[in-house]
Amino acid sequence: MNDLIWSSIIAISQNLIASFLAVVFGIAFTQFVRHRWDEHRYGRWYVIIKNKEEIKVNRAISVRKAKEILDEPADLSVFLKGVVSPYALLNCDIIGKGERLGLLIRDDINRQFIIDLDKNPPREGRGTQAAL
């Protein structure tokens, strides 16, 4: 009777350990595959800022940031304005009007966002000041 109990405990322990190891290896494998998939899909993106054919910035974008900005256009606008801000003040919406003017070129094949500051439109005048 005692041997039967011990053999049952050992069998249950082996099954629990095998199940635990299968779950751990399964999670590790899925994390590895997911990381490789994200790297393939969102990796190797760059933002390039040009001014008078001189490249001011050629910065790599991390996989996490690329995933965030490629999935949401509003995040892309904020990100690009933040990168450009030390070099120029953008005078239009970079996503809508900026793409039409050539200010922003999105090159999906080479995975680049190219911002040409020469195409930045002049600042629109603010209304006239009211006389006091």
N, C-alpha and C. Protein backbone atom coordinates (compact mmCIF):
# COMPACT_ATOMS: atom_id res chain seq x y z
N MET A 1 0.82 -1.19 0.00
CA MET A 1 0.00 0.00 0.00
C MET A 1 0.86 1.26 0.00
N ASN A 2 1.93 1.24 0.81
CA ASN A 2 2.82 2.38 0.90
C ASN A 2 3.53 2.64 -0.43
N ASP A 3 3.92 1.55 -1.13
CA ASP A 3 4.58 1.71 -2.43
C ASP A 3 3.62 2.31 -3.46
N LEU A 4 2.37 1.95 -3.37
CA LEU A 4 1.36 2.48 -4.30
C LEU A 4 1.19 3.98 -4.13
N ILE A 5 1.19 4.45 -2.91
CA ILE A 5 1.04 5.89 -2.64
C ILE A 5 2.26 6.64 -3.15
N TRP A 6 3.45 6.12 -2.85
CA TRP A 6 4.67 6.80 -3.31
C TRP A 6 4.78 6.81 -4.84
N SER A 7 4.42 5.74 -5.48
CA SER A 7 4.48 5.71 -6.94
C SER A 7 3.46 6.66 -7.54
N SER A 8 2.31 6.80 -6.91
CA SER A 8 1.31 7.77 -7.37
C SER A 8 1.80 9.20 -7.20
N ILE A 9 2.43 9.50 -6.07
CA ILE A 9 2.98 10.84 -5.82
C ILE A 9 4.07 11.16 -6.82
N ILE A 10 4.93 10.19 -7.10
CA ILE A 10 6.01 10.40 -8.07
C ILE A 10 5.44 10.62 -9.47
N ALA A 11 4.43 9.86 -9.85
CA ALA A 11 3.81 10.02 -11.18
C ALA A 11 3.14 11.38 -11.31
N ILE A 12 2.45 11.80 -10.28
CA ILE A 12 1.79 13.13 -10.30
C ILE A 12 2.85 14.23 -10.37
N SER A 13 3.92 14.09 -9.60
CA SER A 13 5.00 15.09 -9.62
C SER A 13 5.64 15.18 -11.00
N GLN A 14 5.89 14.03 -11.63
CA GLN A 14 6.46 14.03 -12.97
C GLN A 14 5.53 14.73 -13.97
N ASN A 15 4.25 14.45 -13.87
CA ASN A 15 3.28 15.10 -14.77
C ASN A 15 3.22 16.60 -14.55
N LEU A 16 3.27 17.03 -13.29
CA LEU A 16 3.25 18.46 -12.98
C LEU A 16 4.50 19.15 -13.51
N ILE A 17 5.66 18.54 -13.31
CA ILE A 17 6.92 19.12 -13.78
C ILE A 17 6.92 19.17 -15.31
N ALA A 18 6.48 18.11 -15.96
CA ALA A 18 6.44 18.09 -17.43
C ALA A 18 5.47 19.17 -17.96
N SER A 19 4.33 19.33 -17.33
CA SER A 19 3.37 20.35 -17.74
C SER A 19 3.94 21.75 -17.53
N PHE A 20 4.59 21.96 -16.39
CA PHE A 20 5.19 23.26 -16.10
C PHE A 20 6.27 23.60 -17.13
N LEU A 21 7.14 22.64 -17.42
CA LEU A 21 8.20 22.88 -18.41
C LEU A 21 7.61 23.13 -19.80
N ALA A 22 6.55 22.44 -20.17
CA ALA A 22 5.92 22.66 -21.47
C ALA A 22 5.36 24.08 -21.56
N VAL A 23 4.75 24.56 -20.49
CA VAL A 23 4.22 25.92 -20.48
C VAL A 23 5.35 26.95 -20.56
N VAL A 24 6.41 26.77 -19.80
CA VAL A 24 7.54 27.70 -19.81
C VAL A 24 8.19 27.75 -21.19
N PHE A 25 8.45 26.58 -21.77
CA PHE A 25 9.06 26.55 -23.10
C PHE A 25 8.11 27.10 -24.16
N GLY A 26 6.82 26.86 -24.01
CA GLY A 26 5.83 27.40 -24.95
C GLY A 26 5.80 28.92 -24.91
N ILE A 27 5.83 29.49 -23.71
CA ILE A 27 5.84 30.95 -23.58
C ILE A 27 7.13 31.53 -24.14
N ALA A 28 8.26 30.90 -23.83
CA ALA A 28 9.55 31.39 -24.34
C ALA A 28 9.58 31.33 -25.86
N PHE A 29 9.07 30.27 -26.45
CA PHE A 29 9.06 30.14 -27.90
C PHE A 29 8.16 31.19 -28.54
N THR A 30 6.97 31.42 -27.97
CA THR A 30 6.08 32.44 -28.55
C THR A 30 6.66 33.83 -28.41
N GLN A 31 7.33 34.12 -27.31
CA GLN A 31 7.98 35.42 -27.16
C GLN A 31 9.06 35.60 -28.22
N PHE A 32 9.83 34.55 -28.47
CA PHE A 32 10.89 34.60 -29.48
C PHE A 32 10.29 34.84 -30.87
N VAL A 33 9.26 34.08 -31.20
CA VAL A 33 8.62 34.22 -32.52
C VAL A 33 7.99 35.60 -32.66
N ARG A 34 7.33 36.09 -31.62
CA ARG A 34 6.69 37.41 -31.66
C ARG A 34 7.74 38.52 -31.83
N HIS A 35 8.85 38.40 -31.12
CA HIS A 35 9.93 39.38 -31.24
C HIS A 35 10.49 39.40 -32.67
N ARG A 36 10.72 38.22 -33.23
CA ARG A 36 11.23 38.14 -34.60
C ARG A 36 10.23 38.70 -35.60
N TRP A 37 8.94 38.44 -35.40
CA TRP A 37 7.90 38.96 -36.29
C TRP A 37 7.85 40.48 -36.21
N ASP A 38 7.87 41.03 -35.00
CA ASP A 38 7.86 42.49 -34.84
C ASP A 38 9.11 43.11 -35.46
N GLU A 39 10.26 42.47 -35.29
CA GLU A 39 11.50 42.97 -35.88
C GLU A 39 11.40 42.98 -37.40
N HIS A 40 10.82 41.93 -37.95
CA HIS A 40 10.66 41.85 -39.41
C HIS A 40 9.68 42.90 -39.92
N ARG A 41 8.59 43.09 -39.20
CA ARG A 41 7.53 43.99 -39.67
C ARG A 41 7.81 45.46 -39.38
N TYR A 42 8.36 45.77 -38.22
CA TYR A 42 8.53 47.16 -37.80
C TYR A 42 9.99 47.61 -37.67
N GLY A 43 10.94 46.73 -37.86
CA GLY A 43 12.34 47.09 -37.65
C GLY A 43 12.94 47.85 -38.83
N ARG A 44 14.07 48.48 -38.57
CA ARG A 44 14.89 49.16 -39.57
C ARG A 44 14.21 50.39 -40.20
N TRP A 45 13.38 51.09 -39.44
CA TRP A 45 12.81 52.36 -39.91
C TRP A 45 13.74 53.49 -39.49
N TYR A 46 13.83 54.53 -40.33
CA TYR A 46 14.68 55.68 -40.07
C TYR A 46 13.90 56.96 -40.32
N VAL A 47 14.25 58.00 -39.61
CA VAL A 47 13.75 59.34 -39.90
C VAL A 47 14.95 60.18 -40.32
N ILE A 48 14.79 60.83 -41.47
CA ILE A 48 15.86 61.64 -42.06
C ILE A 48 15.36 63.06 -42.22
N ILE A 49 16.12 64.02 -41.71
CA ILE A 49 15.77 65.43 -41.87
C ILE A 49 16.82 66.06 -42.77
N LYS A 50 16.33 66.67 -43.88
CA LYS A 50 17.22 67.32 -44.83
C LYS A 50 16.93 68.81 -44.85
N ASN A 51 17.97 69.59 -45.05
CA ASN A 51 17.84 71.03 -45.24
C ASN A 51 18.89 71.44 -46.27
N LYS A 52 18.44 71.94 -47.42
CA LYS A 52 19.33 72.33 -48.51
C LYS A 52 20.25 71.17 -48.92
N GLU A 53 19.64 70.00 -49.09
CA GLU A 53 20.33 68.77 -49.50
C GLU A 53 21.37 68.28 -48.48
N GLU A 54 21.45 68.92 -47.33
CA GLU A 54 22.34 68.46 -46.26
C GLU A 54 21.50 67.66 -45.27
N ILE A 55 21.97 66.47 -44.93
CA ILE A 55 21.25 65.64 -43.97
C ILE A 55 21.59 66.09 -42.56
N LYS A 56 20.58 66.61 -41.88
CA LYS A 56 20.77 67.07 -40.50
C LYS A 56 20.67 65.91 -39.51
N VAL A 57 19.71 65.00 -39.76
CA VAL A 57 19.48 63.88 -38.84
C VAL A 57 19.23 62.63 -39.67
N ASN A 58 19.83 61.53 -39.26
CA ASN A 58 19.53 60.22 -39.80
C ASN A 58 19.43 59.29 -38.60
N ARG A 59 18.24 59.18 -38.05
CA ARG A 59 18.04 58.50 -36.77
C ARG A 59 17.22 57.22 -36.96
N ALA A 60 17.69 56.15 -36.36
CA ALA A 60 16.94 54.89 -36.37
C ALA A 60 15.77 54.99 -35.41
N ILE A 61 14.68 54.34 -35.76
CA ILE A 61 13.49 54.30 -34.91
C ILE A 61 13.40 52.90 -34.31
N SER A 62 13.20 52.82 -33.01
CA SER A 62 13.13 51.51 -32.35
C SER A 62 11.89 50.75 -32.82
N VAL A 63 11.93 49.45 -32.66
CA VAL A 63 10.82 48.60 -33.09
C VAL A 63 9.55 48.98 -32.34
N ARG A 64 9.67 49.20 -31.05
CA ARG A 64 8.49 49.55 -30.24
C ARG A 64 7.88 50.87 -30.69
N LYS A 65 8.73 51.88 -30.95
CA LYS A 65 8.24 53.19 -31.39
C LYS A 65 7.66 53.10 -32.80
N ALA A 66 8.32 52.34 -33.68
CA ALA A 66 7.82 52.18 -35.05
C ALA A 66 6.45 51.51 -35.04
N LYS A 67 6.29 50.52 -34.20
CA LYS A 67 4.99 49.84 -34.09
C LYS A 67 3.92 50.81 -33.63
N GLU A 68 4.27 51.65 -32.68
CA GLU A 68 3.33 52.64 -32.13
C GLU A 68 2.94 53.68 -33.18
N ILE A 69 3.92 54.24 -33.89
CA ILE A 69 3.62 55.35 -34.81
C ILE A 69 3.05 54.86 -36.14
N LEU A 70 3.37 53.66 -36.56
CA LEU A 70 2.81 53.16 -37.81
C LEU A 70 1.36 52.72 -37.67
N ASP A 71 0.97 52.37 -36.46
CA ASP A 71 -0.40 51.95 -36.23
C ASP A 71 -1.35 53.13 -35.97
N GLU A 72 -0.82 54.29 -35.62
CA GLU A 72 -1.66 55.45 -35.30
C GLU A 72 -1.08 56.71 -35.93
N PRO A 73 -1.74 57.30 -36.94
CA PRO A 73 -1.21 58.49 -37.60
C PRO A 73 -1.02 59.69 -36.67
N ALA A 74 -1.85 59.83 -35.66
CA ALA A 74 -1.68 60.95 -34.73
C ALA A 74 -0.36 60.83 -33.98
N ASP A 75 0.03 59.61 -33.61
CA ASP A 75 1.31 59.40 -32.94
C ASP A 75 2.47 59.68 -33.88
N LEU A 76 2.29 59.37 -35.16
CA LEU A 76 3.34 59.65 -36.15
C LEU A 76 3.57 61.16 -36.25
N SER A 77 2.51 61.93 -36.29
CA SER A 77 2.62 63.39 -36.38
C SER A 77 3.37 63.95 -35.18
N VAL A 78 3.01 63.53 -33.99
CA VAL A 78 3.66 64.01 -32.77
C VAL A 78 5.13 63.61 -32.75
N PHE A 79 5.43 62.37 -33.13
CA PHE A 79 6.80 61.89 -33.15
C PHE A 79 7.66 62.70 -34.12
N LEU A 80 7.17 62.90 -35.34
CA LEU A 80 7.96 63.62 -36.34
C LEU A 80 8.15 65.08 -35.95
N LYS A 81 7.13 65.70 -35.39
CA LYS A 81 7.28 67.09 -34.94
C LYS A 81 8.32 67.18 -33.83
N GLY A 82 8.36 66.19 -32.96
CA GLY A 82 9.36 66.17 -31.89
C GLY A 82 10.77 66.02 -32.42
N VAL A 83 10.94 65.23 -33.46
CA VAL A 83 12.28 65.06 -34.04
C VAL A 83 12.71 66.33 -34.76
N VAL A 84 11.78 67.01 -35.43
CA VAL A 84 12.09 68.20 -36.22
C VAL A 84 12.30 69.43 -35.34
N SER A 85 11.68 69.48 -34.19
CA SER A 85 11.63 70.70 -33.38
C SER A 85 12.97 71.38 -33.09
N PRO A 86 14.09 70.69 -32.91
CA PRO A 86 15.35 71.43 -32.70
C PRO A 86 15.87 72.13 -33.95
N TYR A 87 15.35 71.78 -35.11
CA TYR A 87 15.88 72.30 -36.36
C TYR A 87 14.96 73.31 -37.06
N ALA A 88 13.65 73.19 -36.87
CA ALA A 88 12.72 74.11 -37.54
C ALA A 88 11.36 74.03 -36.87
N LEU A 89 10.57 75.06 -37.12
CA LEU A 89 9.18 75.09 -36.69
C LEU A 89 8.33 74.76 -37.91
N LEU A 90 7.57 73.69 -37.83
CA LEU A 90 6.74 73.30 -38.96
C LEU A 90 5.53 74.22 -39.03
N ASN A 91 5.24 74.70 -40.24
CA ASN A 91 4.16 75.67 -40.42
C ASN A 91 2.91 75.06 -41.03
N CYS A 92 2.81 73.75 -41.04
CA CYS A 92 1.62 73.08 -41.55
C CYS A 92 1.50 71.72 -40.89
N ASP A 93 0.36 71.07 -41.12
CA ASP A 93 0.15 69.72 -40.64
C ASP A 93 1.09 68.80 -41.42
N ILE A 94 1.97 68.12 -40.72
CA ILE A 94 3.00 67.34 -41.41
C ILE A 94 2.44 66.13 -42.13
N ILE A 95 1.35 65.56 -41.65
CA ILE A 95 0.81 64.36 -42.28
C ILE A 95 -0.03 64.72 -43.51
N GLY A 96 -0.96 65.62 -43.37
CA GLY A 96 -1.85 65.95 -44.48
C GLY A 96 -1.21 66.86 -45.52
N LYS A 97 -1.09 68.13 -45.17
CA LYS A 97 -0.55 69.12 -46.09
C LYS A 97 0.94 68.89 -46.35
N GLY A 98 1.65 68.43 -45.36
CA GLY A 98 3.09 68.19 -45.51
C GLY A 98 3.40 67.14 -46.56
N GLU A 99 2.60 66.09 -46.63
CA GLU A 99 2.83 65.07 -47.66
C GLU A 99 2.49 65.61 -49.04
N ARG A 100 1.44 66.43 -49.15
CA ARG A 100 1.10 67.01 -50.45
C ARG A 100 2.17 67.97 -50.95
N LEU A 101 2.79 68.72 -50.04
CA LEU A 101 3.82 69.69 -50.42
C LEU A 101 5.19 69.05 -50.65
N GLY A 102 5.36 67.83 -50.21
CA GLY A 102 6.67 67.19 -50.31
C GLY A 102 7.53 67.40 -49.08
N LEU A 103 6.97 68.00 -48.06
CA LEU A 103 7.69 68.20 -46.80
C LEU A 103 8.00 66.85 -46.15
N LEU A 104 7.03 65.94 -46.21
CA LEU A 104 7.20 64.60 -45.66
C LEU A 104 7.09 63.59 -46.79
N ILE A 105 8.10 62.75 -46.90
CA ILE A 105 8.07 61.65 -47.85
C ILE A 105 8.15 60.37 -47.03
N ARG A 106 7.13 59.53 -47.19
CA ARG A 106 7.11 58.24 -46.49
C ARG A 106 7.52 57.18 -47.50
N ASP A 107 8.70 56.62 -47.30
CA ASP A 107 9.25 55.61 -48.19
C ASP A 107 9.11 54.25 -47.52
N ASP A 108 8.03 53.52 -47.85
CA ASP A 108 7.79 52.23 -47.21
C ASP A 108 8.78 51.16 -47.65
N ILE A 109 9.30 51.26 -48.86
CA ILE A 109 10.23 50.25 -49.37
C ILE A 109 11.56 50.33 -48.62
N ASN A 110 12.10 51.53 -48.48
CA ASN A 110 13.37 51.71 -47.76
C ASN A 110 13.17 51.98 -46.27
N ARG A 111 11.92 52.01 -45.84
CA ARG A 111 11.55 52.23 -44.44
C ARG A 111 12.14 53.52 -43.90
N GLN A 112 11.76 54.62 -44.56
CA GLN A 112 12.27 55.93 -44.17
C GLN A 112 11.13 56.95 -44.15
N PHE A 113 11.24 57.86 -43.20
CA PHE A 113 10.45 59.09 -43.21
C PHE A 113 11.45 60.20 -43.51
N ILE A 114 11.29 60.85 -44.66
CA ILE A 114 12.21 61.91 -45.06
C ILE A 114 11.48 63.23 -44.93
N ILE A 115 12.04 64.14 -44.15
CA ILE A 115 11.46 65.47 -43.96
C ILE A 115 12.40 66.46 -44.62
N ASP A 116 11.91 67.12 -45.66
CA ASP A 116 12.69 68.09 -46.41
C ASP A 116 12.28 69.49 -45.95
N LEU A 117 13.12 70.11 -45.14
CA LEU A 117 12.78 71.42 -44.55
C LEU A 117 12.71 72.52 -45.59
N ASP A 118 13.27 72.31 -46.78
CA ASP A 118 13.15 73.31 -47.85
C ASP A 118 11.71 73.44 -48.32
N LYS A 119 10.92 72.41 -48.12
CA LYS A 119 9.51 72.43 -48.56
C LYS A 119 8.56 72.92 -47.47
N ASN A 120 9.11 73.32 -46.33
CA ASN A 120 8.29 73.86 -45.25
C ASN A 120 7.69 75.19 -45.71
N PRO A 121 6.36 75.32 -45.74
CA PRO A 121 5.77 76.56 -46.23
C PRO A 121 6.08 77.72 -45.30
N PRO A 122 6.04 78.95 -45.83
CA PRO A 122 6.29 80.10 -44.95
C PRO A 122 5.17 80.22 -43.92
N ARG A 123 5.51 80.84 -42.82
CA ARG A 123 4.55 81.00 -41.74
C ARG A 123 3.43 81.94 -42.17
N GLU A 124 2.21 81.52 -41.94
CA GLU A 124 1.06 82.36 -42.29
C GLU A 124 0.96 83.48 -41.29
N GLY A 125 0.63 84.67 -41.80
CA GLY A 125 0.53 85.83 -40.92
C GLY A 125 -0.65 85.71 -39.98
N ARG A 126 -0.45 86.15 -38.81
CA ARG A 126 -1.54 86.18 -37.83
C ARG A 126 -2.36 87.43 -38.12
N GLY A 127 -3.56 87.48 -37.74
CA GLY A 127 -4.42 88.64 -38.02
C GLY A 127 -3.80 89.95 -37.52
N THR A 128 -4.32 91.03 -37.99
CA THR A 128 -3.79 92.32 -37.54
C THR A 128 -4.18 92.53 -36.09
N GLN A 129 -3.33 93.26 -35.41
CA GLN A 129 -3.59 93.50 -33.99
C GLN A 129 -4.65 94.60 -33.86
N ALA A 130 -5.51 94.43 -32.93
CA ALA A 130 -6.56 95.42 -32.70
C ALA A 130 -5.98 96.64 -32.02
N ALA A 131 -6.46 97.79 -32.43
CA ALA A 131 -6.01 99.05 -31.81
C ALA A 131 -6.63 99.16 -30.43
N LEU A 132 -5.84 99.64 -29.49
CA LEU A 132 -6.35 99.79 -28.13
C LEU A 132 -7.02 101.10 -27.95
